[in-house]
Amino acid sequence: MNKMLSRLRKMVSPKRSSRTGPTFRFSRPLIIFQSDDWGRVGVRDREGWDELRAGGLNLGEKPYDYYSLETSDDVQALCAVLKKHRDSAGRHPCFGMNFITANVDFQRSLEATGEIRLRPLTDGLPEPWERPGLKEAYQEGIRDRVIFPCLHGLTHFCAAAIARELETQGERRQLLRALWAAGTPYIHWRMPWIGYEYWDPSQAHDRRFLSLTEQRAGIQRAAEIFRALFSVAPVSACAPGYRANHDTKVAWFEAGVRVVQGGAGKQQAPSLDNNGMLLTSRNVEMEPATAACSLDEVVKQANDSLARGVPAIVSVHSINFHSTIRDFRRPTLELLDAFLAAMEKRWPDLLYVHDGELWQIVERGALERDGEKIKIEVTSAK
């Protein structure tokens, strides 16, 4: 399989788009979960919600007004559902959790002049946030092999876009400072001008992505924090807002990333880019917190992909498991439980894998763990 992979890498010309490389089909039905925004704080629970409402912000208009941060109970409840289920090899489903590795340090940022100060997750959450046992819940899920940590970024927003507004005396600066005073970094739908980490929407169309130097610095810092948190380098990454370009992938590759996560709605099979990175696209949307989501539709999306030999890659953001302001967790877990049961019944040779294992399957033609080797035929096409 390694020889085949080497040949496939040579087939991809650097002049081509990253989506024109060889694509892969698999002889076994594979289900993968990719989940964004873990570790990223939002509205500071009911106390922060009330404070912002008292300040005149009309919260409750859209689902992300209720975005807060997962609790240890939220993570443990998710893991409990995952541990109820097993695939044909006796393995549990595994959530690829994409972590934002730093949050705005609110007090220090308010005291600074035109600067954003960050607090890495290794140092805990910024005051006045509290999440007892959250780090331990992550670690327990990793040990139980139902959580696979992946890299989302250092921040979710574009720091350059926010820094520019902090230098003014305008309404945007006032909004930022009001949110920070309440322990909330931003609410993206209300202020899309903050962009995404590697993408500044206020720039000309061909200059919106940050330079390679800027992206490399942020990704290297995020990867350092990630390694300190999880004692491993990130293997898989998803850009905030799915805004990534060639420079992003170069910097990811340097940090150890080998799997790139793309957004939902695309139906491409996994493929290689010109660096030999594995590109994946989410093809199943399980987002009940933000959109109507029926079991029948989610099952259909997954079955359609699996029938073509393409992994069912499920998109489900962390907001779906939040419970402190609005209980999104309960209905999501009910849907997830029913989905997993339906998949196990429909596909008796099903395998639950995470992104790192998908990369391993493409490289080796097998899934290996604890001395066990499951052969999986991988076919490719240009």
Protein backbone atom coordinates (compact mmCIF):
# COMPACT_ATOMS: atom_id res chain seq x y z
CA MET A 1 0.00 0.00 0.00
CA ASN A 2 2.90 2.39 0.70
CA LYS A 3 4.12 1.91 -2.87
CA MET A 4 0.64 2.68 -4.16
CA LEU A 5 0.45 5.82 -2.04
CA SER A 6 3.86 6.96 -3.33
CA ARG A 7 2.67 6.51 -6.92
CA LEU A 8 -0.52 8.42 -6.18
CA ARG A 9 1.39 11.33 -4.69
CA LYS A 10 3.46 11.57 -7.89
CA MET A 11 0.23 11.66 -9.92
CA VAL A 12 -0.77 14.97 -8.32
CA SER A 13 0.88 17.87 -10.12
CA PRO A 14 1.69 20.93 -7.94
CA LYS A 15 0.07 23.06 -10.66
CA ARG A 16 -3.29 21.40 -10.16
CA SER A 17 -6.00 22.19 -7.67
CA SER A 18 -5.83 20.14 -4.47
CA ARG A 19 -9.11 18.53 -5.46
CA THR A 20 -7.85 17.04 -8.74
CA GLY A 21 -5.73 14.36 -7.09
CA PRO A 22 -6.65 10.70 -6.71
CA THR A 23 -9.80 9.95 -4.74
CA PHE A 24 -10.37 6.88 -2.61
CA ARG A 25 -13.10 4.30 -2.10
CA PHE A 26 -13.10 1.75 0.71
CA SER A 27 -14.28 -1.85 0.86
CA ARG A 28 -15.73 -1.48 4.35
CA PRO A 29 -18.36 1.06 5.49
CA LEU A 30 -16.57 3.69 7.58
CA ILE A 31 -18.17 6.32 9.84
CA ILE A 32 -16.19 9.34 11.04
CA PHE A 33 -17.27 12.20 13.32
CA GLN A 34 -15.77 15.68 12.90
CA SER A 35 -16.84 18.21 15.53
CA ASP A 36 -15.75 21.86 15.81
CA ASP A 37 -15.35 24.54 18.47
CA TRP A 38 -14.35 22.52 21.55
CA GLY A 39 -12.60 24.58 24.20
CA ARG A 40 -13.93 27.88 22.77
CA VAL A 41 -15.87 30.02 25.23
CA GLY A 42 -18.98 31.96 24.20
CA VAL A 43 -21.76 33.59 26.21
CA ARG A 44 -20.88 33.08 29.88
CA ASP A 45 -23.77 30.83 30.88
CA ARG A 46 -26.93 32.31 32.37
CA GLU A 47 -25.05 34.94 34.37
CA GLY A 48 -23.34 36.32 31.26
CA TRP A 49 -26.58 36.05 29.30
CA ASP A 50 -28.41 38.17 31.87
CA GLU A 51 -25.60 40.71 31.98
CA LEU A 52 -25.62 41.16 28.21
CA ARG A 53 -29.41 41.40 28.09
CA ALA A 54 -29.32 44.06 30.82
CA GLY A 55 -26.81 45.97 28.68
CA GLY A 56 -29.28 46.12 25.81
CA LEU A 57 -28.22 43.13 23.66
CA ASN A 58 -31.31 41.33 22.39
CA LEU A 59 -30.10 37.78 22.84
CA GLY A 60 -32.19 34.82 21.73
CA GLU A 61 -32.63 35.73 18.07
CA LYS A 62 -30.48 32.91 16.67
CA PRO A 63 -29.09 29.63 18.03
CA TYR A 64 -25.54 30.91 18.46
CA ASP A 65 -26.79 33.45 20.98
CA TYR A 66 -27.05 30.36 23.21
CA TYR A 67 -23.53 29.13 22.52
CA SER A 68 -21.65 28.90 25.83
CA LEU A 69 -19.04 26.18 26.48
CA GLU A 70 -19.34 22.48 27.15
CA THR A 71 -19.25 21.30 30.76
CA SER A 72 -17.68 18.14 32.13
CA ASP A 73 -21.21 16.71 32.37
CA ASP A 74 -21.81 17.48 28.69
CA VAL A 75 -18.63 15.68 27.66
CA GLN A 76 -19.29 12.72 29.96
CA ALA A 77 -22.86 12.38 28.68
CA LEU A 78 -21.60 12.31 25.09
CA CYS A 79 -18.96 9.72 25.96
CA ALA A 80 -21.57 7.57 27.71
CA VAL A 81 -23.66 7.38 24.53
CA LEU A 82 -20.60 6.57 22.42
CA LYS A 83 -19.60 3.79 24.81
CA LYS A 84 -23.03 2.17 24.40
CA HIS A 85 -22.23 1.38 20.78
CA ARG A 86 -19.74 -0.88 19.01
CA ASP A 87 -18.91 -1.61 15.41
CA SER A 88 -18.27 -4.98 13.77
CA ALA A 89 -14.82 -5.13 15.40
CA GLY A 90 -16.11 -4.22 18.87
CA ARG A 91 -14.81 -0.63 18.71
CA HIS A 92 -16.72 2.37 19.99
CA PRO A 93 -17.57 5.41 17.82
CA CYS A 94 -14.93 8.11 18.23
CA PHE A 95 -15.49 11.85 18.08
CA GLY A 96 -12.86 13.92 16.33
CA MET A 97 -12.97 17.03 18.52
CA ASN A 98 -11.46 20.14 16.92
CA PHE A 99 -10.02 22.34 19.67
CA ILE A 100 -9.54 26.09 19.77
CA THR A 101 -6.41 26.25 21.90
CA ALA A 102 -6.68 29.77 23.37
CA ASN A 103 -9.40 32.18 24.49
CA VAL A 104 -9.48 35.94 24.93
CA ASP A 105 -8.08 36.90 28.33
CA PHE A 106 -10.82 39.40 29.04
CA GLN A 107 -9.35 41.40 31.91
CA ARG A 108 -5.90 41.77 30.37
CA SER A 109 -7.40 42.64 26.97
CA LEU A 110 -9.61 45.33 28.50
CA GLU A 111 -6.60 46.81 30.26
CA ALA A 112 -4.41 46.72 27.14
CA THR A 113 -4.53 49.45 24.52
CA GLY A 114 -5.59 48.08 21.16
CA GLU A 115 -4.30 44.59 21.89
CA ILE A 116 -5.84 41.15 22.24
CA ARG A 117 -4.37 39.10 25.05
CA LEU A 118 -4.95 35.35 24.94
CA ARG A 119 -5.07 32.66 27.59
CA PRO A 120 -4.01 29.22 26.33
CA LEU A 121 -6.08 26.22 27.39
CA THR A 122 -3.00 24.87 29.14
CA ASP A 123 -3.46 27.74 31.62
CA GLY A 124 -7.18 27.08 32.01
CA LEU A 125 -10.08 29.34 31.11
CA PRO A 126 -10.07 33.14 31.34
CA GLU A 127 -11.66 34.68 34.40
CA PRO A 128 -14.48 34.62 35.37
CA TRP A 129 -15.16 31.35 33.50
CA GLU A 130 -15.30 28.12 35.49
CA ARG A 131 -15.58 24.55 34.23
CA PRO A 132 -14.64 22.13 37.02
CA GLY A 133 -13.44 18.78 35.72
CA LEU A 134 -13.65 19.69 32.03
CA LYS A 135 -10.03 18.94 31.17
CA GLU A 136 -10.30 15.64 33.04
CA ALA A 137 -13.46 14.75 31.08
CA TYR A 138 -11.58 15.31 27.82
CA GLN A 139 -8.72 13.14 29.00
CA GLU A 140 -11.02 10.37 30.16
CA GLY A 141 -12.71 10.30 26.76
CA ILE A 142 -9.32 10.12 25.04
CA ARG A 143 -8.24 7.21 27.26
CA ASP A 144 -11.52 5.42 26.50
CA ARG A 145 -10.91 6.00 22.78
CA VAL A 146 -14.16 7.83 22.20
CA ILE A 147 -12.44 11.23 21.74
CA PHE A 148 -9.72 11.96 19.19
CA PRO A 149 -8.36 15.50 19.61
CA CYS A 150 -7.79 17.53 16.44
CA LEU A 151 -6.66 21.09 15.75
CA HIS A 152 -9.13 23.88 15.02
CA GLY A 153 -6.89 26.88 15.64
CA LEU A 154 -5.39 29.30 18.11
CA THR A 155 -8.44 31.55 17.90
CA HIS A 156 -11.62 31.28 15.85
CA PHE A 157 -11.64 34.96 14.85
CA CYS A 158 -9.13 36.91 12.79
CA ALA A 159 -6.97 38.73 15.34
CA ALA A 160 -5.90 41.35 12.77
CA ALA A 161 -9.54 42.26 12.07
CA ILE A 162 -10.31 42.74 15.75
CA ALA A 163 -7.07 44.63 16.46
CA ARG A 164 -7.93 47.08 13.69
CA GLU A 165 -11.29 47.87 15.29
CA LEU A 166 -9.74 48.25 18.74
CA GLU A 167 -7.65 51.12 17.40
CA THR A 168 -10.79 53.11 16.57
CA GLN A 169 -13.37 54.73 18.83
CA GLY A 170 -16.29 53.34 16.87
CA GLU A 171 -19.29 51.17 17.65
CA ARG A 172 -17.45 47.95 16.87
CA ARG A 173 -14.84 48.69 19.52
CA GLN A 174 -17.59 49.50 22.02
CA LEU A 175 -19.37 46.23 21.24
CA LEU A 176 -16.19 44.21 21.71
CA ARG A 177 -15.44 45.82 25.04
CA ALA A 178 -19.02 45.34 26.26
CA LEU A 179 -18.87 41.65 25.37
CA TRP A 180 -15.45 41.21 26.98
CA ALA A 181 -16.65 42.91 30.16
CA ALA A 182 -19.35 40.21 30.34
CA GLY A 183 -16.85 37.40 29.71
CA THR A 184 -17.95 36.80 26.10
CA PRO A 185 -15.39 37.07 23.26
CA TYR A 186 -17.86 37.62 20.40
CA ILE A 187 -21.07 36.36 18.81
CA HIS A 188 -20.08 35.81 15.21
CA TRP A 189 -23.41 36.24 13.43
CA ARG A 190 -23.79 39.68 15.04
CA MET A 191 -20.30 40.79 13.99
CA PRO A 192 -19.12 38.92 10.88
CA TRP A 193 -16.43 41.55 10.37
CA ILE A 194 -14.26 39.65 12.88
CA GLY A 195 -13.69 37.04 10.17
CA TYR A 196 -11.98 33.73 10.82
CA GLU A 197 -8.49 33.02 12.05
CA TYR A 198 -6.72 32.93 8.67
CA TRP A 199 -9.22 35.10 6.76
CA ASP A 200 -9.88 38.84 7.08
CA PRO A 201 -13.17 39.81 5.34
CA SER A 202 -12.38 43.52 5.34
CA GLN A 203 -9.51 43.13 2.89
CA ALA A 204 -9.73 43.06 -0.89
CA HIS A 205 -10.97 39.74 -2.23
CA ASP A 206 -7.51 38.52 -3.28
CA ARG A 207 -5.91 39.61 0.02
CA ARG A 208 -8.31 38.20 2.57
CA PHE A 209 -6.15 35.25 3.55
CA LEU A 210 -3.29 36.11 5.88
CA SER A 211 0.25 35.65 4.59
CA LEU A 212 2.08 32.36 4.99
CA THR A 213 4.27 33.96 7.66
CA GLU A 214 1.25 35.09 9.67
CA GLN A 215 -0.58 31.79 9.30
CA ARG A 216 2.54 29.80 10.16
CA ALA A 217 3.04 31.75 13.40
CA GLY A 218 -0.54 31.15 14.55
CA ILE A 219 -0.55 27.48 13.59
CA GLN A 220 2.82 26.82 15.23
CA ARG A 221 1.61 28.42 18.46
CA ALA A 222 -1.67 26.49 18.36
CA ALA A 223 0.20 23.24 17.72
CA GLU A 224 2.52 23.93 20.68
CA ILE A 225 -0.45 24.36 23.00
CA PHE A 226 -2.10 21.28 21.50
CA ARG A 227 1.00 19.17 22.17
CA ALA A 228 1.17 20.43 25.73
CA LEU A 229 -2.51 19.59 26.28
CA PHE A 230 -2.61 16.16 24.66
CA SER A 231 1.04 15.02 24.53
CA VAL A 232 0.79 14.39 20.77
CA ALA A 233 1.07 16.50 17.63
CA PRO A 234 -2.16 17.18 15.76
CA VAL A 235 -2.81 14.77 12.89
CA SER A 236 -6.04 16.35 11.62
CA ALA A 237 -7.10 19.99 11.33
CA CYS A 238 -10.12 22.07 10.37
CA ALA A 239 -9.80 25.80 9.67
CA PRO A 240 -12.21 28.10 11.50
CA GLY A 241 -15.06 28.87 9.13
CA TYR A 242 -13.49 26.31 6.75
CA ARG A 243 -11.38 29.21 5.45
CA ALA A 244 -8.07 27.63 4.42
CA ASN A 245 -5.80 28.10 1.42
CA HIS A 246 -2.55 26.59 0.18
CA ASP A 247 -0.51 28.51 2.78
CA THR A 248 -2.71 27.13 5.56
CA LYS A 249 -2.01 23.59 4.41
CA VAL A 250 1.72 24.24 4.16
CA ALA A 251 1.79 25.47 7.76
CA TRP A 252 -0.39 22.58 8.92
CA PHE A 253 1.90 20.07 7.22
CA GLU A 254 4.91 21.58 9.00
CA ALA A 255 3.04 21.15 12.30
CA GLY A 256 2.43 17.45 11.65
CA VAL A 257 -1.08 17.59 10.22
CA ARG A 258 -1.83 15.00 7.55
CA VAL A 259 -5.65 15.13 7.31
CA VAL A 260 -7.54 18.26 6.24
CA GLN A 261 -11.22 18.58 7.16
CA GLY A 262 -13.52 20.36 4.73
CA GLY A 263 -17.01 21.70 5.28
CA ALA A 264 -20.37 20.00 4.95
CA GLY A 265 -22.40 19.84 1.78
CA LYS A 266 -19.73 18.45 -0.50
CA GLN A 267 -19.90 14.88 -1.76
CA GLN A 268 -16.31 14.28 -2.82
CA ALA A 269 -14.54 11.12 -1.75
CA PRO A 270 -11.34 11.58 0.29
CA SER A 271 -8.44 12.62 -1.94
CA LEU A 272 -4.78 13.63 -1.84
CA ASP A 273 -3.49 17.14 -2.39
CA ASN A 274 -0.13 17.93 -3.95
CA ASN A 275 1.64 17.60 -0.57
CA GLY A 276 0.19 14.14 0.00
CA MET A 277 -2.27 15.43 2.62
CA LEU A 278 -5.57 13.61 2.82
CA LEU A 279 -8.52 15.93 2.10
CA THR A 280 -11.91 15.03 3.55
CA SER A 281 -15.36 16.58 3.09
CA ARG A 282 -18.26 16.23 5.49
CA ASN A 283 -21.26 14.61 3.86
CA VAL A 284 -23.64 14.07 6.79
CA GLU A 285 -25.07 17.01 8.76
CA MET A 286 -26.18 16.32 12.32
CA GLU A 287 -26.71 19.85 13.64
CA PRO A 288 -30.04 19.83 15.53
CA ALA A 289 -29.11 22.90 17.58
CA THR A 290 -28.97 25.11 14.51
CA ALA A 291 -31.17 23.50 11.85
CA ALA A 292 -34.06 21.08 11.47
CA CYS A 293 -32.54 17.62 11.60
CA SER A 294 -34.50 14.36 11.36
CA LEU A 295 -33.18 10.88 11.95
CA ASP A 296 -34.42 9.75 8.55
CA GLU A 297 -32.51 12.49 6.73
CA VAL A 298 -29.27 11.90 8.65
CA VAL A 299 -29.49 8.16 8.04
CA LYS A 300 -30.16 8.73 4.33
CA GLN A 301 -27.15 11.02 3.95
CA ALA A 302 -24.92 8.43 5.61
CA ASN A 303 -26.31 5.49 3.63
CA ASP A 304 -25.92 7.34 0.34
CA SER A 305 -22.20 7.87 1.02
CA LEU A 306 -21.53 4.39 2.32
CA ALA A 307 -23.25 2.82 -0.69
CA ARG A 308 -20.66 4.55 -2.92
CA GLY A 309 -17.72 3.27 -0.86
CA VAL A 310 -17.19 6.75 0.61
CA PRO A 311 -16.87 7.21 4.39
CA ALA A 312 -19.85 8.82 6.08
CA ILE A 313 -18.25 11.90 7.64
CA VAL A 314 -20.62 13.44 10.17
CA SER A 315 -20.53 17.16 10.95
CA VAL A 316 -21.76 17.96 14.46
CA HIS A 317 -20.55 21.13 16.22
CA SER A 318 -19.95 21.37 19.95
CA ILE A 319 -22.97 23.68 20.44
CA ASN A 320 -25.17 20.62 19.97
CA PHE A 321 -23.94 19.30 23.33
CA HIS A 322 -24.21 22.52 25.35
CA SER A 323 -26.71 22.65 28.18
CA THR A 324 -26.09 25.66 30.44
CA ILE A 325 -28.21 28.30 28.68
CA ARG A 326 -30.40 26.09 26.53
CA ASP A 327 -30.44 22.30 26.65
CA PHE A 328 -29.19 21.31 23.22
CA ARG A 329 -27.54 18.22 24.68
CA ARG A 330 -30.53 16.01 25.37
CA PRO A 331 -32.13 16.04 21.88
CA THR A 332 -28.73 15.72 20.20
CA LEU A 333 -27.78 12.68 22.26
CA GLU A 334 -31.14 11.07 21.52
CA LEU A 335 -30.59 11.64 17.80
CA LEU A 336 -26.99 10.40 17.96
CA ASP A 337 -27.99 7.25 19.86
CA ALA A 338 -30.71 6.42 17.32
CA PHE A 339 -28.39 7.16 14.38
CA LEU A 340 -25.69 4.84 15.66
CA ALA A 341 -28.21 2.05 16.27
CA ALA A 342 -29.59 2.45 12.73
CA MET A 343 -26.13 2.35 11.19
CA GLU A 344 -25.11 -0.75 13.12
CA LYS A 345 -28.27 -2.53 12.03
CA ARG A 346 -27.98 -1.51 8.37
CA TRP A 347 -24.23 -2.16 7.95
CA PRO A 348 -23.13 -5.33 9.79
CA ASP A 349 -19.48 -4.89 8.70
CA LEU A 350 -19.40 -1.24 9.84
CA LEU A 351 -16.21 0.28 11.26
CA TYR A 352 -16.03 3.45 13.37
CA VAL A 353 -12.77 5.29 12.68
CA HIS A 354 -11.27 8.71 13.32
CA ASP A 355 -9.24 10.88 10.94
CA GLY A 356 -5.89 9.48 12.05
CA GLU A 357 -7.10 5.96 11.36
CA LEU A 358 -8.46 6.96 7.95
CA TRP A 359 -4.98 8.22 7.08
CA GLN A 360 -3.56 4.92 8.32
CA ILE A 361 -6.00 2.95 6.14
CA VAL A 362 -5.02 4.95 3.04
CA GLU A 363 -1.32 4.45 3.79
CA ARG A 364 -1.39 0.79 4.79
CA GLY A 365 -4.62 -0.70 3.51
CA ALA A 366 -5.44 -1.80 7.04
CA LEU A 367 -6.74 -0.59 10.38
CA GLU A 368 -4.34 -1.49 13.18
CA ARG A 369 -4.80 -1.23 16.92
CA ASP A 370 -3.41 -3.22 19.88
CA GLY A 371 -1.88 -5.80 17.59
CA GLU A 372 -5.14 -6.36 15.70
CA LYS A 373 -5.09 -5.76 11.95
CA ILE A 374 -8.22 -5.34 9.86
CA LYS A 375 -7.53 -5.33 6.14
CA ILE A 376 -9.50 -2.81 4.10
CA GLU A 377 -9.27 -2.62 0.34
CA VAL A 378 -8.63 0.92 -0.87
CA THR A 379 -9.19 1.74 -4.52
CA SER A 380 -8.23 4.99 -6.18
CA ALA A 381 -9.26 6.94 -9.23
CA LYS A 382 -7.99 10.19 -10.77
